[in-house]
Amino acid sequence: MTETACIAKRPEELRAFRISPKDSNYFACLYDPLADGAPFTLVVEIFAPGGATPPNTHKVAQEMFFVLKGEGVAVADGTEIPIGPGSSFLLKPGVEHVVRNTGQGKLYCLTLMAPNEGFAELIRGGEEVALDEEDLAVLRRMR
């Protein structure tokens, strides 16, 4: 296999970003168009206790979440869905949504946006943050 045929990464090599300094969530970037030429963005989204995304929608992209660790609530067009490890949900274009961490610890979601619709640019345009030992331990269990 040639180097360009497969892009492999270890948890310690991942870069993480917080979109805005006031945000309570940040993103460990796995694969995206900017760094890897992928037509999608795949991240592990990490929410502090009590943290949430701002309400948002996507024009053409679908966004999928798979909960790795923690407890929370997904709100899609006003409907609340409890989420925990192993839960997944898919948001269609145009659906206003919020993800909230309602647990005592961090909430970790594997999040896929396809197509990218500017998601990677938004994430990587934020401030870089360090992944802590708990973050790295969760990422290592994904392998």
Protein backbone atom coordinates (compact mmCIF):
# COMPACT_ATOMS: atom_id res chain seq x y z
CA MET A 1 0.00 0.00 0.00
CA THR A 2 1.35 3.42 -0.88
CA GLU A 3 1.45 6.26 1.63
CA THR A 4 -1.31 8.15 -0.23
CA ALA A 5 -3.58 5.09 -0.40
CA CYS A 6 -4.10 5.06 3.37
CA ILE A 7 -3.89 7.82 5.95
CA ALA A 8 -3.37 6.43 9.44
CA LYS A 9 -3.26 8.42 12.67
CA ARG A 10 -2.61 7.69 16.33
CA PRO A 11 -4.53 9.49 19.11
CA GLU A 12 -1.39 11.36 20.20
CA GLU A 13 -1.05 12.82 16.69
CA LEU A 14 -4.52 14.34 16.53
CA ARG A 15 -5.02 18.10 16.65
CA ALA A 16 -7.95 19.51 18.61
CA PHE A 17 -9.70 22.85 18.30
CA ARG A 18 -12.30 24.94 20.11
CA ILE A 19 -14.25 27.05 17.60
CA SER A 20 -14.72 30.00 19.96
CA PRO A 21 -13.06 30.69 23.35
CA LYS A 22 -16.51 30.73 25.03
CA ASP A 23 -17.51 27.29 23.63
CA SER A 24 -17.94 24.38 26.04
CA ASN A 25 -17.06 21.78 23.40
CA TYR A 26 -13.99 21.07 21.30
CA PHE A 27 -13.10 18.74 18.45
CA ALA A 28 -10.36 16.13 18.02
CA CYS A 29 -9.90 16.07 14.24
CA LEU A 30 -9.71 12.60 12.72
CA TYR A 31 -10.19 13.20 8.97
CA ASP A 32 -11.28 16.21 6.94
CA PRO A 33 -10.81 17.89 3.56
CA LEU A 34 -8.19 20.38 4.77
CA ALA A 35 -5.76 17.92 6.36
CA ASP A 36 -6.56 14.73 4.46
CA GLY A 37 -8.50 15.54 1.28
CA ALA A 38 -11.58 13.68 2.52
CA PRO A 39 -15.02 14.77 1.20
CA PHE A 40 -16.38 14.68 4.76
CA THR A 41 -15.34 15.78 8.24
CA LEU A 42 -14.95 13.16 11.00
CA VAL A 43 -14.16 14.32 14.53
CA VAL A 44 -14.56 13.29 18.12
CA GLU A 45 -16.59 16.09 19.67
CA ILE A 46 -15.85 16.52 23.37
CA PHE A 47 -18.31 18.35 25.64
CA ALA A 48 -17.46 19.63 29.12
CA PRO A 49 -20.01 18.81 31.85
CA GLY A 50 -22.99 21.07 31.24
CA GLY A 51 -21.66 21.95 27.78
CA ALA A 52 -23.69 22.21 24.59
CA THR A 53 -23.53 23.18 20.96
CA PRO A 54 -25.27 26.36 19.93
CA PRO A 55 -28.50 25.75 17.95
CA ASN A 56 -27.47 25.13 14.34
CA THR A 57 -28.62 23.74 10.99
CA HIS A 58 -26.91 22.64 7.79
CA LYS A 59 -28.11 23.45 4.27
CA VAL A 60 -26.94 20.32 2.45
CA ALA A 61 -24.91 18.25 4.90
CA GLN A 62 -26.13 15.40 7.04
CA GLU A 63 -24.56 15.10 10.49
CA MET A 64 -24.27 11.83 12.36
CA PHE A 65 -23.35 11.38 16.03
CA PHE A 66 -22.30 8.17 17.78
CA VAL A 67 -21.88 8.46 21.55
CA LEU A 68 -18.64 6.91 22.81
CA LYS A 69 -18.85 7.94 26.47
CA GLY A 70 -21.05 10.11 28.67
CA GLU A 71 -24.69 11.11 28.90
CA GLY A 72 -26.62 13.85 27.20
CA VAL A 73 -29.60 15.02 25.23
CA ALA A 74 -29.92 15.62 21.51
CA VAL A 75 -32.58 18.14 20.52
CA ALA A 76 -33.76 17.94 16.90
CA ASP A 77 -36.46 20.37 15.76
CA GLY A 78 -37.58 20.72 19.39
CA THR A 79 -37.73 16.98 20.17
CA GLU A 80 -35.41 15.84 22.99
CA ILE A 81 -33.71 12.45 22.70
CA PRO A 82 -31.69 11.06 25.64
CA ILE A 83 -28.27 9.80 24.51
CA GLY A 84 -25.59 7.63 26.09
CA PRO A 85 -22.85 5.17 25.09
CA GLY A 86 -23.82 3.35 21.90
CA SER A 87 -26.57 5.83 20.99
CA SER A 88 -26.50 7.27 17.51
CA PHE A 89 -28.57 9.78 15.61
CA LEU A 90 -28.59 11.24 12.12
CA LEU A 91 -29.63 14.81 11.37
CA LYS A 92 -30.94 15.63 7.92
CA PRO A 93 -30.25 18.98 6.22
CA GLY A 94 -32.35 21.84 7.57
CA VAL A 95 -32.99 20.28 11.01
CA GLU A 96 -32.16 22.70 13.83
CA HIS A 97 -30.30 20.80 16.51
CA VAL A 98 -28.42 21.05 19.80
CA VAL A 99 -26.39 18.45 21.69
CA ARG A 100 -26.11 18.94 25.47
CA ASN A 101 -23.99 17.13 28.02
CA THR A 102 -26.26 16.32 30.99
CA GLY A 103 -23.82 13.97 32.72
CA GLN A 104 -21.29 14.45 35.49
CA GLY A 105 -18.27 13.84 33.23
CA LYS A 106 -17.34 14.71 29.66
CA LEU A 107 -19.52 13.62 26.73
CA TYR A 108 -17.65 12.13 23.74
CA CYS A 109 -19.33 11.83 20.33
CA LEU A 110 -17.90 10.52 17.10
CA THR A 111 -19.33 13.11 14.71
CA LEU A 112 -19.46 12.85 10.91
CA MET A 113 -20.49 15.71 8.61
CA ALA A 114 -21.03 14.77 4.96
CA PRO A 115 -20.43 16.63 2.82
CA ASN A 116 -18.11 18.90 4.76
CA GLU A 117 -20.14 22.13 4.18
CA GLY A 118 -17.40 24.29 5.72
CA PHE A 119 -17.27 22.32 9.00
CA ALA A 120 -13.53 21.59 8.85
CA GLU A 121 -12.79 25.24 8.04
CA LEU A 122 -14.91 26.38 11.00
CA ILE A 123 -13.22 23.93 13.39
CA ARG A 124 -9.64 24.50 12.22
CA GLY A 125 -10.22 28.27 12.23
CA GLY A 126 -10.66 28.12 16.02
CA GLU A 127 -8.08 27.98 18.77
CA GLU A 128 -5.97 24.85 19.14
CA VAL A 129 -6.38 23.03 22.45
CA ALA A 130 -4.50 20.15 24.03
CA LEU A 131 -6.15 16.78 24.50
CA ASP A 132 -5.87 15.66 28.12
CA GLU A 133 -5.21 12.13 29.38
CA GLU A 134 -8.93 11.30 29.63
CA ASP A 135 -9.47 12.43 26.03
CA LEU A 136 -6.55 10.32 24.82
CA ALA A 137 -7.79 7.28 26.78
CA VAL A 138 -11.22 7.52 25.11
CA LEU A 139 -9.60 7.91 21.68
CA ARG A 140 -7.36 4.89 22.31
CA ARG A 141 -10.41 2.72 23.09
CA MET A 142 -11.81 3.56 19.66
CA ARG A 143 -9.02 1.59 17.97
